Amino acid sequence: MTEDASSRIFSPEIISPKRVIGHRTFDFSRQVAVMAIINRTPDSFHDRGRTFALDKAVEAVEKAIADEADWLDIGGVPFAPGPAVSEEEEIDRVLPVVRAARERTDAVISVETYNPAVARAVLAGGADVINNVTGLHDPGLADAVAEAGAGLIITHSLAAPRTPHPRPVYEDVAGEVAAFLRERAELALSRGVPAERIILDPGHDLNKNTFHSLELTRRLSEIAEIGYPLLAAVSNKDFIGESIDREQQERVEGTIATVAVCILQGARIVRVHDVREVVPAVRMVEAILGWRPPAWTRHNIV
């Protein structure tokens, strides 16, 4: 853990902070990547199937690019419990979106999946990173990533894919999440995924209640201290809605506030639905921290 001498803001020591991911280069010691969520599912958490049709998913890709997303995260199966989706169906959902996105942008493309066969298909089709929200429940996913020389996001959660886990209990939520992620990162390393390709996500709201997610946010620096770049996937989540008494479609302000706090606690990638609203907020945080120069300077100068 280090502290920036000029800003007195927590700044974690990151393993390989300068990274080439796909066609983009990032310096996570002084840069935050904005990841857009593209769901090709009929039962997604936020958009409830609005981008399930292929043309709508591609439109969402184009909008995210226009809104200056650095990264596109494409998913075909939600985390939440629901009907089973076959391997073939999942590939049919996500692979055409990956291909369409790759034709349109050099932004990073990740795919959220639990399935090693799906991972292999999308990595061959142009994806750069696999986003696994079940903490390598199937270690074969790490094998698929290692074979392709791709990146891997490892997320904390307790349940098997699409499995309920009611009333989760933690004695020390930040400590337990940190221990889990350290162990899972070691597993990925043992399967051939190099440290410079690993990213961690504490999994806000995934098998956690609102009190857990709020505490995790307050103590996010403890997760960032593990050393891998940290992803904060907080967009419009229930812990935000319950905290500020807002329904699903009315949480963008709460999301922006949470994103800013997460960056100050060490997050270097933020996963969001509302890219247009979040990008300038993130860029402003970078400017305040001295990481990004102003776009222009006229006030009291000219």
Protein backbone atom coordinates (compact mmCIF):
# COMPACT_ATOMS: atom_id res chain seq x y z
CA MET A 1 0.00 0.00 0.00
CA THR A 2 1.31 3.45 -0.91
CA GLU A 3 -0.06 6.94 -0.58
CA ASP A 4 0.29 9.51 -3.36
CA ALA A 5 2.30 12.38 -1.85
CA SER A 6 0.41 15.09 -3.71
CA SER A 7 -3.18 13.93 -3.34
CA ARG A 8 -3.04 11.86 -0.11
CA ILE A 9 -5.34 9.35 -1.77
CA PHE A 10 -4.97 5.61 -1.30
CA SER A 11 -3.17 4.07 -4.26
CA PRO A 12 -2.62 0.31 -4.25
CA GLU A 13 0.57 -1.31 -5.51
CA ILE A 14 -0.70 -3.13 -8.59
CA ILE A 15 0.88 -6.18 -10.19
CA SER A 16 1.87 -5.11 -13.72
CA PRO A 17 -0.14 -1.85 -13.69
CA LYS A 18 0.76 -1.12 -17.31
CA ARG A 19 -1.16 -3.71 -19.28
CA VAL A 20 -1.98 -4.42 -22.88
CA ILE A 21 -5.47 -5.91 -22.94
CA GLY A 22 -6.61 -6.82 -26.41
CA HIS A 23 -5.94 -3.79 -28.58
CA ARG A 24 -5.84 -1.25 -25.73
CA THR A 25 -3.09 -0.23 -23.30
CA PHE A 26 -3.90 0.82 -19.74
CA ASP A 27 -1.84 2.20 -16.87
CA PHE A 28 -3.88 1.19 -13.84
CA SER A 29 -1.59 3.13 -11.53
CA ARG A 30 -3.28 6.29 -12.83
CA GLN A 31 -6.17 5.31 -15.08
CA VAL A 32 -9.69 3.92 -14.74
CA ALA A 33 -11.35 1.87 -17.48
CA VAL A 34 -15.10 2.17 -17.97
CA MET A 35 -16.70 -1.16 -18.86
CA ALA A 36 -20.11 -1.15 -20.59
CA ILE A 37 -22.60 -3.93 -19.87
CA ILE A 38 -24.13 -5.61 -22.94
CA ASN A 39 -26.66 -8.30 -22.01
CA ARG A 40 -28.05 -10.70 -24.56
CA THR A 41 -30.44 -12.31 -22.12
CA PRO A 42 -34.23 -12.26 -21.70
CA ASP A 43 -33.96 -12.09 -17.89
CA SER A 44 -31.09 -9.72 -17.18
CA PHE A 45 -30.86 -7.88 -13.87
CA HIS A 46 -31.28 -4.32 -15.18
CA ASP A 47 -32.54 -4.17 -18.75
CA ARG A 48 -34.97 -7.11 -18.47
CA GLY A 49 -34.36 -8.33 -22.00
CA ARG A 50 -34.25 -4.94 -23.74
CA THR A 51 -31.09 -5.98 -25.62
CA PHE A 52 -31.89 -9.68 -26.03
CA ALA A 53 -32.59 -9.41 -29.77
CA LEU A 54 -29.34 -9.48 -31.74
CA ASP A 55 -29.98 -6.16 -33.48
CA LYS A 56 -30.68 -4.49 -30.12
CA ALA A 57 -27.52 -5.95 -28.62
CA VAL A 58 -25.49 -4.61 -31.54
CA GLU A 59 -27.16 -1.21 -31.13
CA ALA A 60 -26.12 -1.30 -27.47
CA VAL A 61 -22.54 -2.03 -28.54
CA GLU A 62 -22.59 0.94 -30.92
CA LYS A 63 -24.05 3.23 -28.27
CA ALA A 64 -21.41 2.18 -25.73
CA ILE A 65 -18.67 2.91 -28.25
CA ALA A 66 -20.19 6.32 -29.03
CA ASP A 67 -20.41 7.04 -25.29
CA GLU A 68 -16.65 6.38 -24.97
CA ALA A 69 -16.61 3.05 -23.17
CA ASP A 70 -13.12 1.55 -22.90
CA TRP A 71 -14.43 -1.97 -22.53
CA LEU A 72 -17.50 -4.01 -23.53
CA ASP A 73 -18.67 -6.85 -21.28
CA ILE A 74 -21.04 -9.21 -23.10
CA GLY A 75 -23.17 -11.74 -21.27
CA GLY A 76 -25.57 -14.48 -22.32
CA VAL A 77 -26.52 -15.99 -18.95
CA PRO A 78 -27.30 -13.93 -15.81
CA PHE A 79 -25.80 -14.70 -12.41
CA ALA A 80 -29.21 -14.86 -10.74
CA PRO A 81 -31.11 -18.17 -10.50
CA GLY A 82 -33.21 -18.96 -13.54
CA PRO A 83 -33.80 -21.49 -16.30
CA ALA A 84 -30.82 -23.47 -17.57
CA VAL A 85 -29.16 -22.28 -20.78
CA SER A 86 -27.39 -24.89 -22.88
CA GLU A 87 -23.82 -24.45 -24.02
CA GLU A 88 -24.98 -24.17 -27.62
CA GLU A 89 -27.61 -21.56 -26.79
CA GLU A 90 -25.14 -19.46 -24.81
CA ILE A 91 -22.68 -19.50 -27.69
CA ASP A 92 -25.47 -18.56 -30.12
CA ARG A 93 -26.33 -15.59 -27.89
CA VAL A 94 -22.89 -14.13 -27.29
CA LEU A 95 -20.66 -15.07 -30.20
CA PRO A 96 -22.48 -12.95 -32.84
CA VAL A 97 -22.29 -9.94 -30.51
CA VAL A 98 -18.57 -10.49 -29.94
CA ARG A 99 -17.99 -10.66 -33.68
CA ALA A 100 -20.08 -7.56 -34.34
CA ALA A 101 -18.26 -5.65 -31.60
CA ARG A 102 -14.85 -6.71 -32.87
CA GLU A 103 -15.72 -5.38 -36.32
CA ARG A 104 -16.63 -1.99 -34.84
CA THR A 105 -14.06 -1.20 -32.16
CA ASP A 106 -10.64 -1.77 -30.67
CA ALA A 107 -12.14 -1.53 -27.16
CA VAL A 108 -11.53 -4.46 -24.86
CA ILE A 109 -14.17 -7.19 -25.20
CA SER A 110 -14.92 -9.53 -22.33
CA VAL A 111 -17.56 -12.23 -22.05
CA GLU A 112 -19.21 -13.21 -18.79
CA THR A 113 -19.50 -17.00 -18.70
CA TYR A 114 -19.19 -20.00 -16.41
CA ASN A 115 -18.55 -22.48 -19.22
CA PRO A 116 -15.08 -23.40 -20.55
CA ALA A 117 -16.46 -24.38 -23.98
CA VAL A 118 -18.19 -21.02 -24.30
CA ALA A 119 -14.97 -19.30 -23.23
CA ARG A 120 -13.01 -21.09 -25.95
CA ALA A 121 -15.61 -20.17 -28.60
CA VAL A 122 -15.72 -16.46 -27.77
CA LEU A 123 -11.97 -16.12 -27.35
CA ALA A 124 -11.53 -17.67 -30.80
CA GLY A 125 -14.21 -15.26 -32.06
CA GLY A 126 -12.47 -12.07 -30.93
CA ALA A 127 -12.97 -11.64 -27.18
CA ASP A 128 -9.98 -10.60 -25.07
CA VAL A 129 -11.05 -11.46 -21.51
CA ILE A 130 -13.29 -13.95 -19.71
CA ASN A 131 -15.34 -12.54 -16.83
CA ASN A 132 -16.23 -15.30 -14.37
CA VAL A 133 -18.62 -14.29 -11.58
CA THR A 134 -18.49 -17.62 -9.74
CA GLY A 135 -14.88 -17.55 -8.59
CA LEU A 136 -13.65 -20.30 -10.93
CA HIS A 137 -16.30 -22.71 -9.72
CA ASP A 138 -15.15 -24.71 -12.76
CA PRO A 139 -11.32 -24.50 -12.82
CA GLY A 140 -11.45 -25.57 -16.47
CA LEU A 141 -12.32 -21.97 -17.25
CA ALA A 142 -8.81 -20.97 -16.21
CA ASP A 143 -7.43 -23.64 -18.55
CA ALA A 144 -9.38 -22.17 -21.48
CA VAL A 145 -8.09 -18.68 -20.67
CA ALA A 146 -4.50 -19.88 -20.32
CA GLU A 147 -4.65 -21.74 -23.64
CA ALA A 148 -5.80 -18.60 -25.44
CA GLY A 149 -3.39 -16.22 -23.71
CA ALA A 150 -6.41 -14.17 -22.64
CA GLY A 151 -7.31 -12.17 -19.54
CA LEU A 152 -9.39 -13.43 -16.61
CA ILE A 153 -11.67 -11.61 -14.17
CA ILE A 154 -12.24 -13.59 -10.97
CA THR A 155 -15.26 -12.56 -8.90
CA HIS A 156 -16.23 -13.48 -5.36
CA SER A 157 -19.50 -15.35 -4.93
CA LEU A 158 -20.58 -18.29 -2.81
CA ALA A 159 -23.09 -20.20 -4.92
CA ALA A 160 -22.68 -22.43 -7.93
CA PRO A 161 -23.87 -20.86 -11.21
CA ARG A 162 -27.57 -19.86 -11.19
CA THR A 163 -28.05 -21.35 -7.72
CA PRO A 164 -29.86 -19.58 -4.85
CA HIS A 165 -27.92 -18.76 -1.69
CA PRO A 166 -30.44 -17.18 0.70
CA ARG A 167 -29.42 -15.13 3.74
CA PRO A 168 -25.63 -15.23 3.33
CA VAL A 169 -23.64 -14.81 6.56
CA TYR A 170 -20.13 -13.41 7.00
CA GLU A 171 -18.17 -12.84 10.18
CA ASP A 172 -15.86 -10.40 8.36
CA VAL A 173 -17.07 -9.75 4.82
CA ALA A 174 -14.02 -7.88 3.51
CA GLY A 175 -11.58 -10.29 5.11
CA GLU A 176 -13.43 -13.34 3.81
CA VAL A 177 -13.79 -11.92 0.30
CA ALA A 178 -10.08 -11.04 0.24
CA ALA A 179 -9.08 -14.54 1.38
CA PHE A 180 -11.33 -16.14 -1.24
CA LEU A 181 -9.94 -13.99 -4.06
CA ARG A 182 -6.34 -14.65 -3.03
CA GLU A 183 -6.99 -18.39 -3.09
CA ARG A 184 -8.80 -18.26 -6.43
CA ALA A 185 -6.04 -16.14 -7.98
CA GLU A 186 -3.52 -18.76 -6.85
CA LEU A 187 -5.67 -21.41 -8.52
CA ALA A 188 -5.64 -19.45 -11.77
CA LEU A 189 -1.86 -19.07 -11.57
CA SER A 190 -1.50 -22.83 -11.02
CA ARG A 191 -3.53 -23.45 -14.19
CA GLY A 192 -1.26 -21.28 -16.30
CA VAL A 193 -2.91 -17.84 -16.23
CA PRO A 194 -0.09 -15.31 -15.64
CA ALA A 195 -0.46 -12.70 -12.90
CA GLU A 196 -0.39 -9.86 -15.45
CA ARG A 197 -3.65 -11.19 -16.97
CA ILE A 198 -5.66 -11.51 -13.73
CA ILE A 199 -8.23 -8.97 -12.48
CA LEU A 200 -10.28 -9.30 -9.29
CA ASP A 201 -13.89 -8.31 -8.50
CA PRO A 202 -15.25 -8.44 -4.91
CA GLY A 203 -18.74 -9.17 -6.22
CA HIS A 204 -20.98 -6.49 -4.72
CA ASP A 205 -24.45 -7.94 -4.03
CA LEU A 206 -23.48 -11.41 -5.28
CA ASN A 207 -24.54 -13.61 -2.35
CA LYS A 208 -24.30 -10.51 -0.14
CA ASN A 209 -26.95 -8.32 1.46
CA THR A 210 -26.95 -4.52 1.48
CA PHE A 211 -25.02 -4.26 4.75
CA HIS A 212 -22.34 -6.57 3.34
CA SER A 213 -22.02 -4.57 0.10
CA LEU A 214 -21.84 -1.24 1.93
CA GLU A 215 -19.12 -2.53 4.25
CA LEU A 216 -17.27 -4.05 1.31
CA THR A 217 -17.32 -0.63 -0.40
CA ARG A 218 -16.02 1.12 2.73
CA ARG A 219 -13.21 -1.44 3.01
CA LEU A 220 -12.53 -1.91 -0.69
CA SER A 221 -8.91 -0.86 -0.20
CA GLU A 222 -8.37 -4.17 1.64
CA ILE A 223 -9.29 -6.01 -1.55
CA ALA A 224 -7.20 -3.66 -3.72
CA GLU A 225 -4.18 -4.41 -1.50
CA ILE A 226 -4.12 -7.97 -2.87
CA GLY A 227 -2.36 -6.35 -5.82
CA TYR A 228 -4.32 -7.24 -8.93
CA PRO A 229 -6.30 -4.54 -10.76
CA LEU A 230 -9.68 -4.27 -9.08
CA LEU A 231 -13.04 -4.23 -10.88
CA ALA A 232 -16.04 -2.63 -9.18
CA ALA A 233 -19.32 -3.93 -10.63
CA VAL A 234 -21.77 -1.77 -8.67
CA SER A 235 -24.05 -0.37 -11.36
CA ASN A 236 -27.68 0.08 -10.28
CA LYS A 237 -27.38 -2.75 -7.80
CA ASP A 238 -29.87 -3.41 -5.03
CA PHE A 239 -27.57 -2.22 -2.24
CA ILE A 240 -27.67 1.21 -3.90
CA GLY A 241 -31.46 1.15 -4.36
CA GLU A 242 -32.08 0.03 -0.78
CA SER A 243 -29.68 2.64 0.58
CA ILE A 244 -31.28 5.62 -1.19
CA ASP A 245 -34.84 4.31 -1.66
CA ARG A 246 -34.77 4.20 -5.45
CA GLU A 247 -36.22 1.65 -7.84
CA GLN A 248 -34.16 -0.14 -10.47
CA GLN A 249 -34.25 2.54 -13.18
CA GLU A 250 -33.61 5.47 -10.79
CA ARG A 251 -30.17 4.63 -9.40
CA VAL A 252 -27.75 6.36 -11.75
CA GLU A 253 -26.84 9.12 -9.26
CA GLY A 254 -26.26 6.55 -6.53
CA THR A 255 -24.19 4.52 -8.97
CA ILE A 256 -21.99 7.51 -9.84
CA ALA A 257 -21.37 8.28 -6.16
CA THR A 258 -20.50 4.64 -5.48
CA VAL A 259 -18.18 4.46 -8.49
CA ALA A 260 -16.29 7.55 -7.27
CA VAL A 261 -15.85 6.06 -3.79
CA CYS A 262 -14.67 2.77 -5.26
CA ILE A 263 -12.03 4.53 -7.37
CA LEU A 264 -10.75 6.35 -4.28
CA GLN A 265 -10.56 2.95 -2.56
CA GLY A 266 -8.48 1.42 -5.36
CA ALA A 267 -10.86 0.25 -8.12
CA ARG A 268 -9.39 0.66 -11.60
CA ILE A 269 -12.19 -0.77 -13.75
CA VAL A 270 -15.86 0.11 -13.26
CA ARG A 271 -18.65 -1.94 -14.85
CA VAL A 272 -21.74 0.15 -15.63
CA HIS A 273 -25.01 0.28 -17.55
CA ASP A 274 -25.15 4.08 -17.97
CA VAL A 275 -21.91 4.72 -19.82
CA ARG A 276 -22.73 8.25 -21.03
CA GLU A 277 -23.40 9.44 -17.48
CA VAL A 278 -20.52 7.59 -15.81
CA VAL A 279 -17.64 8.33 -18.22
CA PRO A 280 -17.43 12.09 -17.42
CA ALA A 281 -17.73 11.36 -13.69
CA VAL A 282 -14.80 8.94 -13.89
CA ARG A 283 -12.74 11.34 -15.98
CA MET A 284 -13.39 14.09 -13.42
CA VAL A 285 -12.14 11.85 -10.60
CA GLU A 286 -9.00 11.17 -12.66
CA ALA A 287 -8.50 14.91 -13.18
CA ILE A 288 -8.91 15.68 -9.47
CA LEU A 289 -6.33 13.01 -8.64
CA GLY A 290 -3.89 14.59 -11.11
CA TRP A 291 -3.93 11.57 -13.43
CA ARG A 292 -5.55 13.34 -16.40
CA PRO A 293 -4.95 16.90 -17.64
CA PRO A 294 -7.96 19.15 -18.22
CA ALA A 295 -9.45 18.91 -21.73
CA TRP A 296 -8.93 22.66 -22.02
CA THR A 297 -7.85 25.53 -19.74
CA ARG A 298 -9.36 28.98 -20.25
CA HIS A 299 -10.81 29.96 -16.88
CA ASN A 300 -8.70 32.81 -15.43
CA ILE A 301 -5.98 31.96 -17.95
CA VAL A 302 -7.12 33.77 -21.09
